[in-house]
């Protein structure tokens, strides 16, 4: 039997007729959802994402490999595949408060070309930085609500992965290929939602602050992101979404002494910043009722609508995200 105080925190409050969850209650699959569905105390989420980078940009203009190599580099990237998986658990002691913990892991594979015309691949895989955080709905009025959250990521991912041209001595992989940041990072967020059947709207402002320098004497550039989306329910179980996102990120602060900035633009701490405007279409499916009401299967696919990169830097080509959330 639970102690009285603990029971008040864990057990859901009694309700005469709880409202069923709607597919529009869920954000698109590409949004880092921080809330539990209404009347759900626990949610377990599994997610996967894929991002394809193809070709180079300097500013908004495309740059060929030959043009990039003409700047004096011994090799330049041509493409990259980033696959990330994650497992997350969310606990909501009330309808307005939620805590979460997330473990990411994945693989990054990059193809490069040398100044002699040879091509080779670099690869890094492993777990990323563990994340813990919370989210509080601090204002609501009718169909509208506003929440604020903070996520702290701990430096559990590697920043010392190595690789290189076949047959050569392995060297430190570039910043973009390392699985972790090596620093304790803070990611605040602010989220507004409004429901107007059969539509739901949302706006999220978020950012990541990389504190101090890691053991390799650098910190990744801070970033800020703004997303806005609209969802239309097609039925009691299906909904479609449209989302746009603007992202800006800065250059690396400090520098890894094991990276030669003259060998590859990915090693140059002053060529890491940029901004991008993405668009995405998604679908959510909520097939369950009863105790699993609020569980969701989501898919989102998108592409960049505009990019401005301090390069030469790899250009994003397209991305996709899949999310499964089981709530109870």
Protein backbone atom coordinates (compact mmCIF):
# COMPACT_ATOMS: atom_id res chain seq x y z
CA UNK A 1 0.00 0.00 0.00
CA UNK A 2 1.36 3.43 -0.94
CA UNK A 3 1.95 6.03 1.78
CA UNK A 4 -0.78 8.70 1.64
CA UNK A 5 1.50 11.51 0.38
CA UNK A 6 3.07 9.33 -2.32
CA UNK A 7 -0.34 8.09 -3.39
CA UNK A 8 -1.50 11.67 -3.94
CA UNK A 9 1.48 12.25 -6.27
CA UNK A 10 1.28 9.04 -8.27
CA UNK A 11 -2.37 8.08 -8.51
CA UNK A 12 -4.45 10.02 -11.06
CA UNK A 13 -7.23 12.17 -9.69
CA UNK A 14 -10.72 10.79 -9.99
CA UNK A 15 -12.86 12.15 -12.81
CA UNK A 16 -16.48 11.60 -13.67
CA UNK A 17 -15.85 11.21 -17.40
CA UNK A 18 -12.26 11.73 -18.60
CA UNK A 19 -12.02 13.11 -22.10
CA UNK A 20 -10.41 10.82 -24.68
CA UNK A 21 -7.07 11.89 -26.13
CA UNK A 22 -7.00 13.33 -29.64
CA UNK A 23 -4.28 12.86 -32.30
CA UNK A 24 -4.05 16.66 -32.47
CA UNK A 25 -2.94 16.75 -28.84
CA UNK A 26 0.47 15.50 -29.96
CA UNK A 27 3.15 17.68 -31.53
CA UNK A 28 4.71 16.55 -34.84
CA UNK A 29 7.23 13.72 -34.57
CA UNK A 30 10.17 16.05 -35.18
CA UNK A 31 9.38 18.18 -32.11
CA UNK A 32 10.99 17.20 -28.81
CA UNK A 33 7.74 16.62 -26.91
CA UNK A 34 8.07 17.30 -23.17
CA UNK A 35 4.51 16.68 -21.98
CA UNK A 36 2.48 13.58 -21.17
CA UNK A 37 -0.99 13.26 -22.71
CA UNK A 38 -3.85 14.28 -20.41
CA UNK A 39 -4.81 11.58 -17.86
CA UNK A 40 -1.49 9.73 -18.44
CA UNK A 41 1.06 9.54 -15.64
CA UNK A 42 3.76 7.77 -17.64
CA UNK A 43 4.94 7.85 -21.25
CA UNK A 44 7.70 5.75 -22.81
CA UNK A 45 8.97 7.12 -26.12
CA UNK A 46 11.17 5.53 -28.74
CA UNK A 47 12.34 7.70 -31.59
CA UNK A 48 14.52 7.53 -34.69
CA UNK A 49 15.64 10.28 -37.04
CA UNK A 50 17.61 10.42 -40.27
CA UNK A 51 19.28 13.49 -41.76
CA UNK A 52 20.98 13.54 -45.15
CA UNK A 53 23.62 16.15 -45.96
CA UNK A 54 24.69 16.48 -49.60
CA UNK A 55 27.12 18.94 -51.16
CA UNK A 56 28.70 22.11 -49.80
CA UNK A 57 27.58 25.68 -49.27
CA UNK A 58 29.39 28.90 -48.46
CA UNK A 59 26.79 31.40 -47.44
CA UNK A 60 23.63 30.59 -49.38
CA UNK A 61 25.52 29.56 -52.54
CA UNK A 62 26.45 26.04 -53.57
CA UNK A 63 30.17 25.25 -53.66
CA UNK A 64 31.69 22.35 -55.59
CA UNK A 65 34.33 20.06 -54.10
CA UNK A 66 36.89 21.48 -56.54
CA UNK A 67 36.13 25.04 -55.43
CA UNK A 68 36.47 24.05 -51.77
CA UNK A 69 39.74 22.19 -52.36
CA UNK A 70 41.08 25.25 -54.20
CA UNK A 71 41.03 27.05 -50.85
CA UNK A 72 43.98 24.91 -49.78
CA UNK A 73 42.34 22.02 -47.92
CA UNK A 74 43.74 18.51 -48.31
CA UNK A 75 40.24 16.98 -48.12
CA UNK A 76 36.65 18.20 -48.02
CA UNK A 77 33.35 16.49 -47.13
CA UNK A 78 30.88 15.60 -49.87
CA UNK A 79 27.99 13.99 -47.98
CA UNK A 80 26.96 12.75 -44.55
CA UNK A 81 24.25 10.49 -43.11
CA UNK A 82 23.20 11.04 -39.49
CA UNK A 83 21.03 8.38 -37.86
CA UNK A 84 19.93 8.91 -34.26
CA UNK A 85 17.82 6.72 -32.01
CA UNK A 86 16.56 7.56 -28.55
CA UNK A 87 14.72 6.06 -25.60
CA UNK A 88 12.88 8.40 -23.25
CA UNK A 89 10.69 8.06 -20.18
CA UNK A 90 8.35 10.83 -18.99
CA UNK A 91 6.63 10.99 -15.60
CA UNK A 92 3.80 13.48 -14.99
CA UNK A 93 2.72 13.76 -11.34
CA UNK A 94 0.01 16.19 -12.49
CA UNK A 95 -1.50 17.58 -15.70
CA UNK A 96 0.83 20.60 -15.50
CA UNK A 97 4.17 19.10 -14.48
CA UNK A 98 6.34 16.50 -16.21
CA UNK A 99 9.86 15.13 -15.75
CA UNK A 100 11.81 13.26 -18.41
CA UNK A 101 15.06 11.39 -19.03
CA UNK A 102 16.42 10.55 -22.48
CA UNK A 103 19.27 8.42 -23.82
CA UNK A 104 20.32 9.00 -27.47
CA UNK A 105 22.62 6.86 -29.57
CA UNK A 106 23.39 6.73 -33.26
CA UNK A 107 25.73 6.66 -36.22
CA UNK A 108 27.33 9.35 -38.39
CA UNK A 109 28.89 8.41 -41.72
CA UNK A 110 30.70 10.94 -43.92
CA UNK A 111 32.16 10.69 -47.41
CA UNK A 112 35.17 12.90 -48.21
CA UNK A 113 37.30 13.70 -51.27
CA UNK A 114 41.01 14.43 -51.19
CA UNK A 115 42.94 16.97 -53.25
CA UNK A 116 44.22 13.98 -55.27
CA UNK A 117 40.68 12.97 -56.23
CA UNK A 118 40.48 9.96 -53.90
CA UNK A 119 37.38 9.32 -51.82
CA UNK A 120 37.07 7.74 -48.39
CA UNK A 121 34.63 7.48 -45.48
CA UNK A 122 34.69 8.45 -41.81
CA UNK A 123 32.33 6.88 -39.32
CA UNK A 124 31.47 7.44 -35.66
CA UNK A 125 28.88 5.64 -33.58
CA UNK A 126 27.88 5.30 -29.96
CA UNK A 127 25.74 6.87 -27.28
CA UNK A 128 25.21 10.60 -27.09
CA UNK A 129 24.78 12.88 -24.10
CA UNK A 130 22.17 11.75 -21.55
CA UNK A 131 19.40 14.31 -20.99
CA UNK A 132 17.22 14.99 -17.93
CA UNK A 133 14.71 17.77 -17.48
CA UNK A 134 11.27 19.01 -16.62
CA UNK A 135 8.36 20.95 -18.09
CA UNK A 136 5.74 23.10 -16.32
CA UNK A 137 2.46 24.40 -17.75
CA UNK A 138 2.35 27.76 -15.95
CA UNK A 139 -0.58 29.40 -17.76
CA UNK A 140 -3.76 28.14 -19.36
CA UNK A 141 -6.96 29.78 -20.48
CA UNK A 142 -9.64 27.73 -22.18
CA UNK A 143 -8.04 25.93 -25.17
CA UNK A 144 -4.69 27.72 -24.76
CA UNK A 145 -1.70 26.80 -22.60
CA UNK A 146 1.89 27.93 -22.16
CA UNK A 147 4.66 25.79 -20.71
CA UNK A 148 8.33 26.30 -19.92
CA UNK A 149 10.98 23.64 -19.58
CA UNK A 150 14.65 23.06 -18.98
CA UNK A 151 16.74 20.09 -20.09
CA UNK A 152 20.25 19.39 -18.83
CA UNK A 153 22.50 17.15 -20.93
CA UNK A 154 25.40 15.37 -19.27
CA UNK A 155 28.69 14.66 -21.12
CA UNK A 156 28.27 10.91 -21.59
CA UNK A 157 28.99 10.91 -25.35
CA UNK A 158 32.52 10.56 -26.72
CA UNK A 159 34.50 13.53 -28.09
CA UNK A 160 37.65 11.52 -28.88
CA UNK A 161 36.58 9.29 -31.80
CA UNK A 162 39.27 8.77 -34.45
CA UNK A 163 39.46 7.74 -38.10
CA UNK A 164 41.16 8.66 -41.34
CA UNK A 165 42.17 7.72 -44.86
CA UNK A 166 42.59 3.94 -45.27
CA UNK A 167 46.15 2.90 -44.43
CA UNK A 168 46.99 6.15 -42.64
CA UNK A 169 47.43 6.74 -38.92
CA UNK A 170 43.96 7.44 -37.37
CA UNK A 171 43.44 11.03 -36.25
CA UNK A 172 40.77 12.85 -34.26
CA UNK A 173 37.45 13.09 -36.10
CA UNK A 174 35.98 16.56 -36.79
CA UNK A 175 33.64 18.33 -34.38
CA UNK A 176 30.52 17.41 -36.39
CA UNK A 177 31.26 13.67 -36.21
CA UNK A 178 31.77 13.35 -32.46
CA UNK A 179 28.78 11.72 -30.68
CA UNK A 180 28.92 14.04 -27.65
CA UNK A 181 29.61 17.65 -26.75
CA UNK A 182 31.85 16.98 -23.75
CA UNK A 183 30.15 19.73 -21.71
CA UNK A 184 27.18 20.10 -19.39
CA UNK A 185 24.58 21.79 -21.61
CA UNK A 186 21.40 23.69 -20.77
CA UNK A 187 18.42 23.67 -23.15
CA UNK A 188 15.58 26.00 -22.09
CA UNK A 189 12.29 26.03 -23.97
CA UNK A 190 8.98 27.93 -24.09
CA UNK A 191 5.90 26.35 -25.67
CA UNK A 192 2.45 27.73 -26.60
CA UNK A 193 -0.44 25.54 -27.74
CA UNK A 194 -4.04 26.22 -28.73
CA UNK A 195 -6.80 23.80 -29.66
CA UNK A 196 -9.61 24.88 -32.00
CA UNK A 197 -11.29 21.68 -33.22
CA UNK A 198 -10.37 20.13 -35.57
CA UNK A 199 -7.16 22.17 -35.51
CA UNK A 200 -4.29 22.50 -33.04
CA UNK A 201 -1.55 25.11 -33.22
CA UNK A 202 1.81 25.31 -31.50
CA UNK A 203 4.85 27.56 -31.22
CA UNK A 204 8.10 26.55 -29.53
CA UNK A 205 11.15 28.66 -28.73
CA UNK A 206 14.20 26.66 -27.64
CA UNK A 207 17.96 26.86 -27.44
CA UNK A 208 21.06 25.06 -26.24
CA UNK A 209 23.85 26.64 -24.20
CA UNK A 210 27.17 24.76 -24.06
CA UNK A 211 28.83 25.66 -20.77
CA UNK A 212 32.56 26.02 -20.19
CA UNK A 213 35.08 24.02 -22.28
CA UNK A 214 35.39 20.25 -22.46
CA UNK A 215 38.48 18.09 -21.93
CA UNK A 216 39.56 18.78 -25.53
CA UNK A 217 39.55 22.55 -24.77
CA UNK A 218 36.50 23.60 -26.80
CA UNK A 219 32.75 24.12 -26.55
CA UNK A 220 30.31 23.65 -29.41
CA UNK A 221 28.48 26.74 -30.61
CA UNK A 222 25.26 27.72 -28.85
CA UNK A 223 22.03 27.45 -30.83
CA UNK A 224 18.52 28.92 -30.87
CA UNK A 225 15.46 27.49 -32.60
CA UNK A 226 11.88 28.64 -33.28
CA UNK A 227 9.20 26.23 -34.52
CA UNK A 228 5.57 26.77 -35.45
CA UNK A 229 3.12 24.07 -36.52
CA UNK A 230 -0.50 23.44 -37.31
CA UNK A 231 -2.31 20.10 -36.96
CA UNK A 232 -5.61 19.05 -38.52
CA UNK A 233 -7.47 16.00 -37.24
CA UNK A 234 -8.76 13.80 -40.03
CA UNK A 235 -10.61 11.43 -37.69
CA UNK A 236 -10.59 10.32 -34.07
CA UNK A 237 -7.30 8.49 -34.66
CA UNK A 238 -5.48 10.33 -37.49
CA UNK A 239 -4.07 13.82 -37.92
CA UNK A 240 -1.76 15.61 -40.33
CA UNK A 241 0.66 18.43 -39.58
CA UNK A 242 2.65 21.21 -41.23
CA UNK A 243 5.68 22.66 -39.45
CA UNK A 244 8.32 25.31 -40.13
CA UNK A 245 11.51 25.77 -38.09
CA UNK A 246 14.18 28.47 -38.08
CA UNK A 247 17.52 27.52 -36.49
CA UNK A 248 20.72 29.49 -35.88
CA UNK A 249 23.92 28.08 -34.39
CA UNK A 250 27.31 29.59 -33.59
CA UNK A 251 30.95 28.71 -34.09
CA UNK A 252 32.98 26.48 -31.80
CA UNK A 253 34.57 28.33 -28.89
CA UNK A 254 38.15 27.32 -28.23
CA UNK A 255 39.69 24.60 -30.42
CA UNK A 256 40.62 20.94 -30.27
CA UNK A 257 44.44 20.90 -30.55
CA UNK A 258 44.28 17.53 -32.33
CA UNK A 259 42.33 18.98 -35.28
CA UNK A 260 44.19 20.70 -38.11
CA UNK A 261 41.97 23.49 -39.51
CA UNK A 262 44.06 23.65 -42.70
CA UNK A 263 43.40 20.00 -43.54
CA UNK A 264 39.58 20.07 -43.64
CA UNK A 265 36.99 22.85 -43.22
CA UNK A 266 35.19 20.63 -40.69
CA UNK A 267 38.24 21.02 -38.44
CA UNK A 268 38.09 24.83 -38.55
CA UNK A 269 36.26 26.21 -35.52
CA UNK A 270 35.42 29.42 -37.43
CA UNK A 271 33.52 27.52 -40.17
CA UNK A 272 30.87 25.81 -38.01
CA UNK A 273 28.11 28.42 -37.72
CA UNK A 274 25.03 28.98 -39.85
CA UNK A 275 21.28 29.34 -40.05
CA UNK A 276 18.57 27.32 -41.73
CA UNK A 277 14.83 27.47 -42.36
CA UNK A 278 13.11 24.05 -42.63
CA UNK A 279 9.65 22.88 -43.64
CA UNK A 280 8.09 19.52 -42.76
CA UNK A 281 4.90 17.47 -43.21
CA UNK A 282 3.82 14.86 -40.68
CA UNK A 283 1.15 12.41 -39.61
CA UNK A 284 0.12 11.09 -36.18
CA UNK A 285 -1.90 7.96 -35.42
CA UNK A 286 -3.48 7.25 -32.03
CA UNK A 287 -4.95 3.73 -32.35
CA UNK A 288 -5.57 2.86 -28.70
CA UNK A 289 -8.27 3.58 -26.16
CA UNK A 290 -8.70 2.67 -22.52
CA UNK A 291 -5.53 2.49 -20.44
CA UNK A 292 -3.31 3.19 -23.45
CA UNK A 293 -5.38 6.17 -24.62
CA UNK A 294 -2.97 8.92 -25.67
CA UNK A 295 -0.34 6.59 -27.15
CA UNK A 296 0.87 7.75 -30.55
CA UNK A 297 2.76 6.67 -33.66
CA UNK A 298 4.20 9.65 -35.55
CA UNK A 299 6.08 10.27 -38.79
CA UNK A 300 7.49 13.52 -40.18
CA UNK A 301 9.51 14.26 -43.34
CA UNK A 302 11.04 17.60 -44.23
CA UNK A 303 13.66 19.56 -46.13
CA UNK A 304 15.48 22.88 -45.88
CA UNK A 305 13.77 25.83 -47.55
CA UNK A 306 16.77 28.16 -47.09
CA UNK A 307 20.31 27.82 -45.71
CA UNK A 308 23.10 30.29 -44.99
CA UNK A 309 26.29 28.58 -43.81
CA UNK A 310 29.75 29.85 -42.87
CA UNK A 311 31.62 27.40 -45.04
CA UNK A 312 32.44 25.57 -47.04
CA UNK A 313 30.08 23.47 -44.93
CA UNK A 314 27.85 20.47 -45.61
CA UNK A 315 24.36 21.40 -46.79
CA UNK A 316 21.32 19.66 -45.34
CA UNK A 317 19.33 17.80 -48.03
CA UNK A 318 16.35 16.24 -46.23
CA UNK A 319 15.34 14.68 -42.92
CA UNK A 320 12.79 12.31 -41.40
CA UNK A 321 11.69 11.41 -37.88
CA UNK A 322 9.66 8.50 -36.47
CA UNK A 323 8.29 8.45 -32.92
CA UNK A 324 6.37 5.89 -30.89
CA UNK A 325 4.94 7.01 -27.56
CA UNK A 326 3.16 4.57 -25.24
CA UNK A 327 1.21 6.35 -22.48
CA UNK A 328 -0.47 4.81 -19.47
